[in-house]
N, C-alpha and C. Protein backbone atom coordinates (compact mmCIF):
# COMPACT_ATOMS: atom_id res chain seq x y z
N MET A 1 0.87 -1.18 0.00
CA MET A 1 0.00 0.00 0.00
C MET A 1 0.89 1.22 0.00
N GLY A 2 0.57 2.14 -0.89
CA GLY A 2 1.41 3.31 -0.97
C GLY A 2 0.60 4.54 -1.24
N ILE A 3 1.30 5.66 -1.29
CA ILE A 3 0.64 6.93 -1.55
C ILE A 3 1.58 7.79 -2.37
N ASP A 4 1.06 8.44 -3.35
CA ASP A 4 1.85 9.36 -4.16
C ASP A 4 1.70 10.77 -3.60
N VAL A 5 2.80 11.46 -3.52
CA VAL A 5 2.79 12.83 -3.03
C VAL A 5 3.38 13.71 -4.10
N ASP A 6 2.57 14.60 -4.58
CA ASP A 6 3.04 15.55 -5.58
C ASP A 6 3.30 16.89 -4.90
N VAL A 7 4.48 17.45 -5.13
CA VAL A 7 4.83 18.74 -4.56
C VAL A 7 5.25 19.68 -5.68
N PHE A 8 4.61 20.82 -5.74
CA PHE A 8 4.98 21.82 -6.73
C PHE A 8 5.95 22.81 -6.08
N VAL A 9 7.08 22.96 -6.72
CA VAL A 9 8.10 23.89 -6.21
C VAL A 9 8.33 24.97 -7.25
N ASP A 10 8.12 26.20 -6.83
CA ASP A 10 8.39 27.35 -7.70
C ASP A 10 9.88 27.68 -7.63
N ILE A 11 10.69 26.97 -8.42
CA ILE A 11 12.14 27.12 -8.34
C ILE A 11 12.59 28.54 -8.67
N PRO A 12 12.13 29.16 -9.76
CA PRO A 12 12.56 30.54 -10.02
C PRO A 12 12.21 31.49 -8.87
N GLY A 13 11.03 31.30 -8.30
CA GLY A 13 10.63 32.16 -7.19
C GLY A 13 11.48 31.92 -5.96
N ALA A 14 11.79 30.62 -5.72
CA ALA A 14 12.63 30.29 -4.56
C ALA A 14 14.03 30.87 -4.70
N VAL A 15 14.59 30.78 -5.92
CA VAL A 15 15.93 31.33 -6.16
C VAL A 15 15.91 32.84 -5.95
N LYS A 16 14.87 33.50 -6.46
CA LYS A 16 14.77 34.94 -6.29
C LYS A 16 14.67 35.31 -4.82
N HIS A 17 13.85 34.54 -4.08
CA HIS A 17 13.70 34.80 -2.65
C HIS A 17 15.03 34.59 -1.92
N LEU A 18 15.75 33.51 -2.31
CA LEU A 18 17.03 33.22 -1.68
C LEU A 18 18.03 34.34 -1.95
N GLU A 19 18.03 34.83 -3.21
CA GLU A 19 18.95 35.91 -3.56
C GLU A 19 18.65 37.16 -2.74
N GLU A 20 17.36 37.46 -2.58
CA GLU A 20 16.98 38.62 -1.78
C GLU A 20 17.37 38.42 -0.32
N PHE A 21 17.18 37.17 0.15
CA PHE A 21 17.54 36.85 1.54
C PHE A 21 19.04 37.03 1.76
N GLN A 22 19.83 36.51 0.81
CA GLN A 22 21.29 36.62 0.92
C GLN A 22 21.74 38.08 0.91
N LYS A 23 21.20 38.83 -0.04
CA LYS A 23 21.60 40.22 -0.16
C LYS A 23 21.22 41.04 1.08
N LYS A 24 20.10 40.70 1.67
CA LYS A 24 19.57 41.51 2.76
C LYS A 24 20.09 41.09 4.13
N HIS A 25 20.13 39.79 4.39
CA HIS A 25 20.39 39.33 5.75
C HIS A 25 21.78 38.77 6.01
N ILE A 26 22.33 38.00 5.07
CA ILE A 26 23.58 37.31 5.34
C ILE A 26 24.75 38.26 5.56
N PRO A 27 24.94 39.31 4.72
CA PRO A 27 26.06 40.23 5.00
C PRO A 27 25.96 40.88 6.38
N PHE A 28 24.73 41.23 6.78
CA PHE A 28 24.53 41.83 8.11
C PHE A 28 24.91 40.83 9.20
N ALA A 29 24.43 39.58 9.05
CA ALA A 29 24.71 38.55 10.06
C ALA A 29 26.21 38.25 10.13
N LEU A 30 26.86 38.22 8.98
CA LEU A 30 28.30 37.98 8.96
C LEU A 30 29.05 39.09 9.69
N ALA A 31 28.70 40.33 9.35
CA ALA A 31 29.41 41.47 9.96
C ALA A 31 29.23 41.48 11.47
N VAL A 32 28.02 41.24 11.94
CA VAL A 32 27.75 41.26 13.38
C VAL A 32 28.47 40.12 14.08
N SER A 33 28.37 38.91 13.53
CA SER A 33 28.97 37.75 14.20
C SER A 33 30.49 37.83 14.19
N LEU A 34 31.08 38.26 13.08
CA LEU A 34 32.54 38.35 13.02
C LEU A 34 33.07 39.43 13.96
N THR A 35 32.34 40.52 14.09
CA THR A 35 32.77 41.57 15.02
C THR A 35 32.71 41.08 16.46
N LYS A 36 31.67 40.32 16.79
CA LYS A 36 31.57 39.77 18.14
C LYS A 36 32.67 38.76 18.42
N ILE A 37 33.01 37.95 17.41
CA ILE A 37 34.11 37.00 17.58
C ILE A 37 35.43 37.75 17.73
N GLY A 38 35.59 38.85 16.98
CA GLY A 38 36.79 39.67 17.13
C GLY A 38 36.93 40.19 18.55
N ALA A 39 35.82 40.58 19.16
CA ALA A 39 35.86 41.05 20.55
C ALA A 39 36.26 39.91 21.49
N ILE A 40 35.82 38.70 21.19
CA ILE A 40 36.20 37.54 22.01
C ILE A 40 37.70 37.28 21.88
N VAL A 41 38.22 37.37 20.65
CA VAL A 41 39.66 37.18 20.42
C VAL A 41 40.45 38.23 21.21
N ARG A 42 40.01 39.47 21.14
CA ARG A 42 40.69 40.55 21.87
C ARG A 42 40.70 40.27 23.38
N ASP A 43 39.55 39.90 23.93
CA ASP A 43 39.45 39.67 25.37
C ASP A 43 40.23 38.42 25.80
N ASP A 44 40.18 37.36 24.99
CA ASP A 44 40.92 36.14 25.33
C ASP A 44 42.42 36.39 25.27
N THR A 45 42.87 37.22 24.32
CA THR A 45 44.29 37.55 24.23
C THR A 45 44.72 38.37 25.44
N ARG A 46 43.88 39.28 25.87
CA ARG A 46 44.19 40.08 27.06
C ARG A 46 44.31 39.18 28.29
N ASN A 47 43.43 38.20 28.41
CA ASN A 47 43.50 37.27 29.53
C ASN A 47 44.79 36.44 29.47
N GLU A 48 45.18 36.05 28.26
CA GLU A 48 46.41 35.27 28.10
C GLU A 48 47.64 36.10 28.45
N MET A 49 47.61 37.39 28.14
CA MET A 49 48.72 38.27 28.52
C MET A 49 48.90 38.27 30.04
N GLN A 50 47.80 38.33 30.74
CA GLN A 50 47.89 38.35 32.21
C GLN A 50 48.44 37.03 32.74
N ARG A 51 48.25 35.96 31.99
CA ARG A 51 48.75 34.66 32.43
C ARG A 51 50.24 34.49 32.14
N VAL A 52 50.69 34.89 30.93
CA VAL A 52 52.07 34.58 30.52
C VAL A 52 53.06 35.70 30.84
N PHE A 53 52.57 36.95 31.02
CA PHE A 53 53.47 38.05 31.34
C PHE A 53 53.44 38.31 32.85
N ASN A 54 54.55 38.80 33.36
CA ASN A 54 54.65 39.10 34.78
C ASN A 54 54.12 40.51 35.04
N ASN A 55 52.89 40.59 35.53
CA ASN A 55 52.28 41.86 35.90
C ASN A 55 52.35 42.88 34.75
N PRO A 56 51.72 42.59 33.61
CA PRO A 56 51.79 43.50 32.46
C PRO A 56 51.14 44.84 32.75
N THR A 57 51.62 45.88 32.08
CA THR A 57 51.09 47.22 32.29
C THR A 57 49.72 47.35 31.63
N ARG A 58 48.98 48.36 32.04
CA ARG A 58 47.68 48.63 31.42
C ARG A 58 47.86 48.97 29.94
N TYR A 59 48.97 49.63 29.64
CA TYR A 59 49.28 50.00 28.25
C TYR A 59 49.37 48.74 27.38
N THR A 60 50.02 47.70 27.90
CA THR A 60 50.14 46.44 27.16
C THR A 60 48.80 45.73 27.07
N LEU A 61 48.05 45.70 28.17
CA LEU A 61 46.75 45.01 28.17
C LEU A 61 45.75 45.67 27.24
N ASN A 62 45.91 46.97 27.01
CA ASN A 62 44.99 47.70 26.12
C ASN A 62 45.59 47.91 24.73
N SER A 63 46.52 47.03 24.35
CA SER A 63 47.26 47.24 23.10
C SER A 63 46.57 46.70 21.86
N LEU A 64 45.43 46.04 22.03
CA LEU A 64 44.75 45.44 20.88
C LEU A 64 43.63 46.32 20.35
N LEU A 65 43.60 46.45 19.04
CA LEU A 65 42.54 47.20 18.37
C LEU A 65 41.60 46.24 17.66
N LEU A 66 40.32 46.54 17.67
CA LEU A 66 39.32 45.76 16.93
C LEU A 66 38.70 46.64 15.87
N ARG A 67 38.88 46.25 14.61
CA ARG A 67 38.24 46.96 13.51
C ARG A 67 37.02 46.15 13.09
N PRO A 68 35.80 46.68 13.31
CA PRO A 68 34.58 45.90 13.05
C PRO A 68 34.42 45.52 11.58
N ALA A 69 33.78 44.40 11.34
CA ALA A 69 33.43 44.00 9.98
C ALA A 69 32.29 44.89 9.48
N GLN A 70 32.27 45.12 8.18
CA GLN A 70 31.25 45.98 7.57
C GLN A 70 30.41 45.16 6.60
N LYS A 71 29.08 45.25 6.72
CA LYS A 71 28.20 44.45 5.85
C LYS A 71 28.27 44.88 4.39
N LYS A 72 28.72 46.11 4.13
CA LYS A 72 28.79 46.60 2.76
C LYS A 72 29.98 46.01 1.99
N ASP A 73 30.94 45.43 2.71
CA ASP A 73 32.11 44.84 2.06
C ASP A 73 31.74 43.55 1.35
N ILE A 74 32.42 43.25 0.25
CA ILE A 74 32.18 42.01 -0.47
C ILE A 74 32.48 40.81 0.43
N ASN A 75 33.56 40.91 1.18
CA ASN A 75 33.93 39.84 2.10
C ASN A 75 34.10 40.45 3.49
N PRO A 76 33.03 40.56 4.27
CA PRO A 76 33.13 41.19 5.60
C PRO A 76 34.21 40.54 6.46
N THR A 77 35.06 41.35 7.06
CA THR A 77 36.17 40.86 7.86
C THR A 77 36.37 41.74 9.08
N ALA A 78 36.41 41.13 10.25
CA ALA A 78 36.78 41.84 11.47
C ALA A 78 38.27 41.64 11.69
N VAL A 79 38.96 42.69 12.07
CA VAL A 79 40.41 42.62 12.24
C VAL A 79 40.77 42.94 13.69
N VAL A 80 41.55 42.05 14.30
CA VAL A 80 42.10 42.29 15.64
C VAL A 80 43.61 42.42 15.47
N MET A 81 44.16 43.54 15.91
CA MET A 81 45.60 43.75 15.70
C MET A 81 46.18 44.58 16.84
N PHE A 82 47.50 44.50 16.97
CA PHE A 82 48.20 45.29 17.97
C PHE A 82 48.41 46.71 17.43
N LYS A 83 48.27 47.69 18.29
CA LYS A 83 48.46 49.08 17.88
C LYS A 83 49.88 49.27 17.36
N ASP A 84 49.97 49.90 16.18
CA ASP A 84 51.29 50.09 15.58
C ASP A 84 51.78 51.53 15.67
N MET A 85 51.08 52.34 16.46
CA MET A 85 51.50 53.72 16.67
C MET A 85 51.40 54.04 18.16
N ALA A 86 52.23 54.98 18.61
CA ALA A 86 52.21 55.39 20.01
C ALA A 86 52.56 56.87 20.10
N SER A 87 51.87 57.59 20.98
CA SER A 87 52.16 59.01 21.15
C SER A 87 53.54 59.22 21.76
N ARG A 88 53.98 58.23 22.54
CA ARG A 88 55.33 58.27 23.10
C ARG A 88 55.76 56.85 23.42
N GLY A 89 57.05 56.62 23.44
CA GLY A 89 57.55 55.28 23.71
C GLY A 89 57.36 54.36 22.52
N ASN A 90 57.47 53.07 22.77
CA ASN A 90 57.37 52.07 21.71
C ASN A 90 55.92 51.68 21.44
N ALA A 91 55.59 51.49 20.17
CA ALA A 91 54.27 51.01 19.80
C ALA A 91 54.16 49.53 20.19
N PRO A 92 52.99 49.10 20.70
CA PRO A 92 52.84 47.70 21.13
C PRO A 92 53.18 46.68 20.04
N ALA A 93 52.82 46.97 18.78
CA ALA A 93 53.12 46.02 17.71
C ALA A 93 54.62 45.76 17.60
N LYS A 94 55.40 46.76 17.96
CA LYS A 94 56.85 46.65 17.84
C LYS A 94 57.44 45.78 18.94
N TYR A 95 57.01 46.01 20.20
CA TYR A 95 57.64 45.25 21.27
C TYR A 95 56.92 43.94 21.59
N LEU A 96 55.67 43.80 21.13
CA LEU A 96 54.96 42.54 21.36
C LEU A 96 55.14 41.55 20.21
N GLY A 97 55.60 42.04 19.06
CA GLY A 97 55.83 41.15 17.93
C GLY A 97 56.72 39.96 18.27
N PRO A 98 57.89 40.19 18.91
CA PRO A 98 58.74 39.06 19.28
C PRO A 98 58.10 38.12 20.31
N GLU A 99 57.16 38.64 21.11
CA GLU A 99 56.47 37.79 22.08
C GLU A 99 55.50 36.84 21.37
N VAL A 100 55.02 37.25 20.20
CA VAL A 100 54.11 36.42 19.42
C VAL A 100 54.88 35.47 18.51
N HIS A 101 55.85 36.01 17.80
CA HIS A 101 56.57 35.24 16.78
C HIS A 101 57.90 34.67 17.26
N GLY A 102 58.42 35.19 18.39
CA GLY A 102 59.77 34.83 18.79
C GLY A 102 60.77 35.66 17.98
N GLY A 103 62.05 35.56 18.34
CA GLY A 103 63.07 36.27 17.58
C GLY A 103 63.67 37.43 18.34
N PRO A 104 64.44 38.27 17.66
CA PRO A 104 65.17 39.34 18.32
C PRO A 104 64.28 40.46 18.83
N ARG A 105 64.65 41.02 19.98
CA ARG A 105 63.92 42.14 20.55
C ARG A 105 64.23 43.41 19.78
N SER A 106 63.23 44.22 19.58
CA SER A 106 63.46 45.52 18.93
C SER A 106 64.12 46.47 19.91
N VAL A 107 64.76 47.51 19.39
CA VAL A 107 65.43 48.47 20.25
C VAL A 107 64.40 49.27 21.02
N LYS A 108 64.64 49.48 22.31
CA LYS A 108 63.71 50.23 23.15
C LYS A 108 64.16 51.68 23.27
N GLY A 109 63.30 52.47 23.91
CA GLY A 109 63.49 53.91 23.95
C GLY A 109 64.84 54.39 24.44
N ALA A 110 65.30 53.88 25.61
CA ALA A 110 66.55 54.38 26.18
C ALA A 110 67.72 54.11 25.25
N ALA A 111 67.82 52.88 24.74
CA ALA A 111 68.92 52.54 23.84
C ALA A 111 68.85 53.36 22.56
N SER A 112 67.64 53.55 22.04
CA SER A 112 67.48 54.33 20.82
C SER A 112 67.95 55.77 21.03
N LEU A 113 67.59 56.35 22.16
CA LEU A 113 67.99 57.73 22.45
C LEU A 113 69.49 57.86 22.64
N LEU A 114 70.11 56.88 23.29
CA LEU A 114 71.56 56.93 23.49
C LEU A 114 72.30 56.68 22.18
N ARG A 115 71.73 55.88 21.31
CA ARG A 115 72.33 55.72 19.98
C ARG A 115 72.32 57.05 19.24
N GLY A 116 71.21 57.77 19.39
CA GLY A 116 71.12 59.08 18.75
C GLY A 116 72.15 60.07 19.26
N LYS A 117 72.60 59.87 20.49
CA LYS A 117 73.64 60.74 21.07
C LYS A 117 75.04 60.24 20.76
N GLY A 118 75.12 59.11 20.07
CA GLY A 118 76.42 58.55 19.73
C GLY A 118 77.09 57.81 20.88
N LEU A 119 76.33 57.46 21.91
CA LEU A 119 76.90 56.81 23.09
C LEU A 119 76.79 55.29 23.03
N LEU A 120 75.96 54.77 22.15
CA LEU A 120 75.84 53.34 21.93
C LEU A 120 75.94 53.05 20.44
N SER A 121 76.49 51.89 20.10
CA SER A 121 76.53 51.48 18.70
C SER A 121 75.22 50.78 18.33
N SER A 122 75.03 50.53 17.05
CA SER A 122 73.76 49.97 16.58
C SER A 122 73.52 48.53 17.02
N ASP A 123 74.56 47.84 17.47
CA ASP A 123 74.39 46.46 17.92
C ASP A 123 74.40 46.33 19.44
N GLU A 124 74.28 47.46 20.14
CA GLU A 124 74.27 47.44 21.60
C GLU A 124 72.87 47.72 22.12
N PHE A 125 72.45 46.92 23.09
CA PHE A 125 71.13 47.04 23.71
C PHE A 125 71.31 47.23 25.21
N LEU A 126 70.25 47.64 25.89
CA LEU A 126 70.32 47.90 27.32
C LEU A 126 69.34 47.04 28.10
N VAL A 127 69.78 46.58 29.27
CA VAL A 127 68.90 45.89 30.20
C VAL A 127 69.12 46.51 31.58
N PRO A 128 68.10 46.53 32.44
CA PRO A 128 68.27 47.09 33.78
C PRO A 128 69.32 46.31 34.58
N SER A 129 70.09 47.01 35.38
CA SER A 129 71.03 46.32 36.27
C SER A 129 70.27 45.76 37.47
N ARG A 130 70.93 44.91 38.23
CA ARG A 130 70.28 44.32 39.39
C ARG A 130 69.99 45.36 40.47
N SER A 131 70.77 46.42 40.47
CA SER A 131 70.59 47.45 41.51
C SER A 131 69.62 48.55 41.09
N ALA A 132 69.13 48.50 39.85
CA ALA A 132 68.21 49.54 39.39
C ALA A 132 66.87 49.40 40.09
N LYS A 133 66.24 50.52 40.36
CA LYS A 133 64.92 50.51 40.98
C LYS A 133 63.86 50.30 39.89
N LEU A 134 63.07 49.26 40.05
CA LEU A 134 62.05 48.93 39.07
C LEU A 134 60.67 49.18 39.64
N ASN A 135 59.72 49.46 38.75
CA ASN A 135 58.34 49.65 39.21
C ASN A 135 57.66 48.29 39.38
N GLN A 136 56.36 48.31 39.67
CA GLN A 136 55.64 47.06 39.96
C GLN A 136 55.53 46.16 38.74
N HIS A 137 55.81 46.72 37.55
CA HIS A 137 55.75 45.94 36.31
C HIS A 137 57.12 45.41 35.90
N GLY A 138 58.14 45.66 36.73
CA GLY A 138 59.47 45.16 36.42
C GLY A 138 60.25 46.02 35.44
N ASN A 139 59.83 47.28 35.30
CA ASN A 139 60.49 48.18 34.34
C ASN A 139 61.09 49.39 35.05
N ILE A 140 62.12 49.96 34.44
CA ILE A 140 62.61 51.26 34.88
C ILE A 140 61.57 52.29 34.45
N THR A 141 61.22 53.20 35.32
CA THR A 141 60.15 54.15 35.00
C THR A 141 60.60 55.10 33.89
N ARG A 142 59.62 55.64 33.19
CA ARG A 142 59.91 56.60 32.14
C ARG A 142 60.59 57.84 32.71
N ALA A 143 60.18 58.25 33.91
CA ALA A 143 60.78 59.43 34.53
C ALA A 143 62.28 59.22 34.77
N GLN A 144 62.64 58.02 35.28
CA GLN A 144 64.05 57.71 35.48
C GLN A 144 64.82 57.71 34.17
N THR A 145 64.20 57.10 33.15
CA THR A 145 64.86 57.02 31.84
C THR A 145 65.10 58.39 31.26
N MET A 146 64.09 59.27 31.32
CA MET A 146 64.23 60.59 30.73
C MET A 146 65.24 61.43 31.52
N LYS A 147 65.31 61.25 32.83
CA LYS A 147 66.30 61.95 33.63
C LYS A 147 67.70 61.51 33.23
N MET A 148 67.88 60.21 33.01
CA MET A 148 69.17 59.69 32.59
C MET A 148 69.55 60.23 31.22
N VAL A 149 68.63 60.16 30.27
CA VAL A 149 68.93 60.59 28.90
C VAL A 149 69.26 62.08 28.86
N ALA A 150 68.57 62.86 29.67
CA ALA A 150 68.79 64.31 29.67
C ALA A 150 70.19 64.68 30.17
N GLY A 151 70.74 63.89 31.11
CA GLY A 151 72.00 64.29 31.70
C GLY A 151 73.18 63.37 31.41
N VAL A 152 72.97 62.30 30.64
CA VAL A 152 74.02 61.33 30.41
C VAL A 152 75.18 61.93 29.62
N LYS A 153 76.37 61.46 29.92
CA LYS A 153 77.58 61.95 29.24
C LYS A 153 78.57 60.81 29.12
N THR A 154 79.72 61.10 28.53
CA THR A 154 80.76 60.09 28.46
C THR A 154 81.50 60.04 29.80
N GLU A 155 82.20 58.94 30.03
CA GLU A 155 82.90 58.77 31.31
C GLU A 155 83.95 59.86 31.53
N GLN A 156 84.57 60.30 30.45
CA GLN A 156 85.63 61.28 30.56
C GLN A 156 85.15 62.64 31.05
N LYS A 157 83.87 62.92 30.86
CA LYS A 157 83.33 64.23 31.22
C LYS A 157 82.70 64.26 32.61
N VAL A 158 82.79 63.16 33.33
CA VAL A 158 82.20 63.10 34.67
C VAL A 158 83.10 63.81 35.68
N ASP A 159 82.48 64.61 36.52
CA ASP A 159 83.21 65.30 37.59
C ASP A 159 83.21 64.41 38.83
N SER A 160 84.35 63.81 39.12
CA SER A 160 84.44 62.86 40.23
C SER A 160 84.29 63.52 41.60
N LYS A 161 84.40 64.84 41.65
CA LYS A 161 84.30 65.56 42.92
C LYS A 161 82.85 65.99 43.23
N SER A 162 82.01 65.94 42.22
CA SER A 162 80.64 66.41 42.42
C SER A 162 79.86 65.42 43.27
N ARG A 163 79.03 65.97 44.16
CA ARG A 163 78.19 65.11 45.00
C ARG A 163 76.83 64.85 44.36
N LYS A 164 76.58 65.47 43.22
CA LYS A 164 75.32 65.25 42.51
C LYS A 164 75.42 63.96 41.70
N ALA A 165 74.29 63.28 41.56
CA ALA A 165 74.27 62.04 40.77
C ALA A 165 74.50 62.39 39.30
N GLN A 166 75.44 61.69 38.70
CA GLN A 166 75.76 61.92 37.30
C GLN A 166 75.67 60.60 36.53
N TYR A 167 74.99 60.63 35.40
CA TYR A 167 74.87 59.45 34.55
C TYR A 167 75.93 59.50 33.46
N PHE A 168 76.57 58.37 33.21
CA PHE A 168 77.53 58.34 32.12
C PHE A 168 77.58 56.93 31.53
N VAL A 169 78.05 56.85 30.29
CA VAL A 169 78.22 55.57 29.60
C VAL A 169 79.71 55.24 29.59
N GLY A 170 80.06 54.06 30.05
CA GLY A 170 81.47 53.68 30.06
C GLY A 170 81.72 52.37 30.76
N ARG A 171 83.03 52.14 31.05
CA ARG A 171 83.46 50.93 31.76
C ARG A 171 84.31 51.36 32.96
N PRO A 172 83.73 51.91 33.97
CA PRO A 172 84.54 52.41 35.09
C PRO A 172 85.36 51.31 35.76
N GLY A 173 86.69 51.53 35.83
CA GLY A 173 87.55 50.53 36.46
C GLY A 173 87.54 49.19 35.76
N GLY A 174 87.24 49.19 34.46
CA GLY A 174 87.21 47.93 33.71
C GLY A 174 85.97 47.09 33.94
N LYS A 175 84.98 47.66 34.58
CA LYS A 175 83.73 46.93 34.83
C LYS A 175 82.92 46.81 33.54
N ALA A 176 81.78 46.16 33.63
CA ALA A 176 80.93 45.96 32.45
C ALA A 176 80.49 47.30 31.88
N LYS A 177 80.41 47.36 30.55
CA LYS A 177 79.96 48.59 29.91
C LYS A 177 78.47 48.78 30.17
N GLY A 178 78.10 50.01 30.43
CA GLY A 178 76.71 50.32 30.65
C GLY A 178 76.52 51.77 31.00
N VAL A 179 75.31 52.07 31.46
CA VAL A 179 75.01 53.40 31.98
C VAL A 179 75.21 53.33 33.49
N TRP A 180 76.14 54.15 33.98
CA TRP A 180 76.47 54.14 35.41
C TRP A 180 76.08 55.45 36.06
N ILE A 181 75.89 55.39 37.37
CA ILE A 181 75.60 56.59 38.16
C ILE A 181 76.79 56.82 39.09
N ARG A 182 77.35 58.02 39.01
CA ARG A 182 78.42 58.37 39.95
C ARG A 182 77.93 59.49 40.85
N LYS A 183 78.12 59.30 42.14
CA LYS A 183 77.80 60.33 43.13
C LYS A 183 78.99 60.41 44.08
N GLY A 184 79.87 61.39 43.82
CA GLY A 184 81.12 61.46 44.54
C GLY A 184 81.97 60.26 44.15
N ARG A 185 82.40 59.48 45.14
CA ARG A 185 83.19 58.30 44.86
C ARG A 185 82.34 57.04 44.67
N LYS A 186 81.06 57.16 44.91
CA LYS A 186 80.17 56.00 44.83
C LYS A 186 79.73 55.74 43.40
N LEU A 187 79.87 54.51 42.96
CA LEU A 187 79.47 54.08 41.62
C LEU A 187 78.35 53.05 41.71
N GLN A 188 77.38 53.17 40.82
CA GLN A 188 76.28 52.21 40.81
C GLN A 188 75.82 52.00 39.37
N PRO A 189 75.70 50.74 38.94
CA PRO A 189 75.20 50.50 37.57
C PRO A 189 73.70 50.78 37.48
N PHE A 190 73.31 51.41 36.40
CA PHE A 190 71.90 51.72 36.17
C PHE A 190 71.32 50.80 35.10
N MET A 191 71.97 50.76 33.94
CA MET A 191 71.60 49.85 32.87
C MET A 191 72.88 49.30 32.27
N LEU A 192 72.85 48.04 31.86
CA LEU A 192 74.04 47.40 31.32
C LEU A 192 73.86 47.09 29.84
N VAL A 193 74.97 47.18 29.11
CA VAL A 193 74.96 46.89 27.69
C VAL A 193 74.97 45.38 27.48
N THR A 194 74.19 44.92 26.53
CA THR A 194 74.12 43.50 26.21
C THR A 194 73.95 43.32 24.72
N ARG A 195 74.09 42.09 24.27
CA ARG A 195 73.78 41.78 22.88
C ARG A 195 72.26 41.80 22.70
N GLN A 196 71.84 41.80 21.45
CA GLN A 196 70.40 41.86 21.19
C GLN A 196 69.69 40.66 21.81
N PRO A 197 68.77 40.89 22.76
CA PRO A 197 68.05 39.78 23.40
C PRO A 197 67.20 39.01 22.40
N GLN A 198 67.13 37.70 22.59
CA GLN A 198 66.31 36.83 21.75
C GLN A 198 65.12 36.34 22.56
N TYR A 199 63.94 36.47 22.01
CA TYR A 199 62.72 36.05 22.70
C TYR A 199 62.19 34.75 22.11
N ARG A 200 61.65 33.92 22.96
CA ARG A 200 60.86 32.77 22.49
C ARG A 200 59.40 33.20 22.48
N SER A 201 58.62 32.57 21.64
CA SER A 201 57.20 32.91 21.55
C SER A 201 56.50 32.54 22.85
N ARG A 202 55.83 33.51 23.45
CA ARG A 202 55.09 33.28 24.69
C ARG A 202 53.60 33.53 24.52
N LEU A 203 53.25 34.44 23.62
CA LEU A 203 51.85 34.82 23.45
C LEU A 203 51.35 34.21 22.14
N ASP A 204 50.64 33.09 22.23
CA ASP A 204 50.21 32.35 21.05
C ASP A 204 48.92 32.98 20.50
N PHE A 205 49.08 34.14 19.90
CA PHE A 205 47.96 34.94 19.44
C PHE A 205 47.10 34.21 18.41
N TYR A 206 47.75 33.54 17.47
CA TYR A 206 47.00 32.89 16.38
C TYR A 206 46.25 31.66 16.88
N ARG A 207 46.81 30.95 17.83
CA ARG A 207 46.07 29.82 18.42
C ARG A 207 44.83 30.32 19.14
N ILE A 208 44.96 31.42 19.87
CA ILE A 208 43.84 32.00 20.59
C ILE A 208 42.74 32.40 19.60
N ALA A 209 43.14 33.03 18.50
CA ALA A 209 42.17 33.49 17.50
C ALA A 209 41.46 32.30 16.84
N ASN A 210 42.23 31.30 16.44
CA ASN A 210 41.62 30.13 15.77
C ASN A 210 40.66 29.39 16.70
N LYS A 211 41.04 29.31 17.97
CA LYS A 211 40.18 28.63 18.95
C LYS A 211 38.88 29.40 19.13
N ALA A 212 38.97 30.72 19.20
CA ALA A 212 37.77 31.55 19.38
C ALA A 212 36.84 31.43 18.19
N VAL A 213 37.40 31.41 16.98
CA VAL A 213 36.57 31.28 15.78
C VAL A 213 35.88 29.92 15.75
N GLY A 214 36.66 28.85 15.98
CA GLY A 214 36.09 27.51 15.93
C GLY A 214 35.00 27.29 16.98
N LYS A 215 35.18 27.89 18.13
CA LYS A 215 34.24 27.69 19.23
C LYS A 215 32.99 28.53 19.11
N ASN A 216 33.10 29.70 18.50
CA ASN A 216 32.00 30.67 18.57
C ASN A 216 31.33 31.01 17.24
N TYR A 217 31.92 30.62 16.11
CA TYR A 217 31.38 31.09 14.84
C TYR A 217 29.93 30.65 14.60
N ASN A 218 29.67 29.35 14.70
CA ASN A 218 28.32 28.87 14.41
C ASN A 218 27.29 29.50 15.35
N LYS A 219 27.63 29.59 16.61
CA LYS A 219 26.70 30.15 17.60
C LYS A 219 26.42 31.62 17.30
N GLU A 220 27.49 32.40 17.07
CA GLU A 220 27.32 33.84 16.86
C GLU A 220 26.65 34.14 15.52
N PHE A 221 26.99 33.36 14.48
CA PHE A 221 26.36 33.60 13.17
C PHE A 221 24.88 33.24 13.23
N GLY A 222 24.55 32.11 13.88
CA GLY A 222 23.15 31.73 13.99
C GLY A 222 22.35 32.75 14.77
N ARG A 223 22.92 33.28 15.82
CA ARG A 223 22.24 34.29 16.64
C ARG A 223 22.04 35.58 15.83
N ALA A 224 23.08 35.99 15.09
CA ALA A 224 22.99 37.22 14.31
C ALA A 224 22.01 37.06 13.15
N LEU A 225 22.00 35.88 12.53
CA LEU A 225 21.08 35.65 11.41
C LEU A 225 19.64 35.63 11.90
N GLY A 226 19.40 35.00 13.03
CA GLY A 226 18.06 35.00 13.60
C GLY A 226 17.58 36.40 13.92
N HIS A 227 18.49 37.21 14.46
CA HIS A 227 18.14 38.60 14.76
C HIS A 227 17.84 39.36 13.48
N ALA A 228 18.65 39.11 12.43
CA ALA A 228 18.45 39.81 11.16
C ALA A 228 17.10 39.45 10.55
N MET A 229 16.74 38.20 10.62
CA MET A 229 15.46 37.76 10.04
C MET A 229 14.27 38.31 10.82
N SER A 230 14.40 38.37 12.13
CA SER A 230 13.28 38.81 12.96
C SER A 230 13.06 40.32 12.88
N THR A 231 14.11 41.04 12.54
CA THR A 231 14.02 42.50 12.49
C THR A 231 14.20 43.06 11.10
N GLY A 232 14.26 42.17 10.10
CA GLY A 232 14.57 42.59 8.75
C GLY A 232 13.64 43.64 8.18
N ARG A 233 12.35 43.51 8.45
CA ARG A 233 11.38 44.46 7.89
C ARG A 233 11.47 45.82 8.57
N LYS A 234 12.01 45.82 9.80
CA LYS A 234 12.09 47.06 10.55
C LYS A 234 13.37 47.83 10.23
N ARG A 235 14.40 47.14 9.72
CA ARG A 235 15.67 47.81 9.47
C ARG A 235 15.65 48.56 8.15
């Protein structure tokens, strides 16, 4: 015993409806869902920074930019990236790049400024000495650095009789080359010269991004598409 079922399908009409649906709703849903996933990538990366870095600064934690996806684009894309410009100091993209990819550290502000004064060569880098006062983030403060740069001189020009703290670059008594502080007869290392530091990758940015996309894409796209369909006539 059987039954025949005849179904009439208006294929041209269905295709037209699908095309209208795609043009109207899918780009909007893509843009919304990809932007939300971009925000997840940004937040997950910030959380990972707090895990792998030792007390990172607010400047570092806020170093990620999110450029929202646009529905008008042929291929809507949300972009999460490190800021590549800074009003002062190093741009995050410059100093965080080696943390993501590994490799040589870029030159930092103090070394760059001393190179400009002719006190360091292009292959010399600086690291804080053990006796240097560091802030809660493990860095020499900008105020200390600028004070040093403003008054630093060569070892030959230091007045050994002065009781004021004087910064100079040299090898006093054959000691390690670096930026030293002399106050009368007292000598103290401030920053020491080293070879270019090499970093291993610590911040697995691309793994974080891929994980966020794989985990959230279907959910966020479905949610955005449902919202687009329910509000389509009102938009």
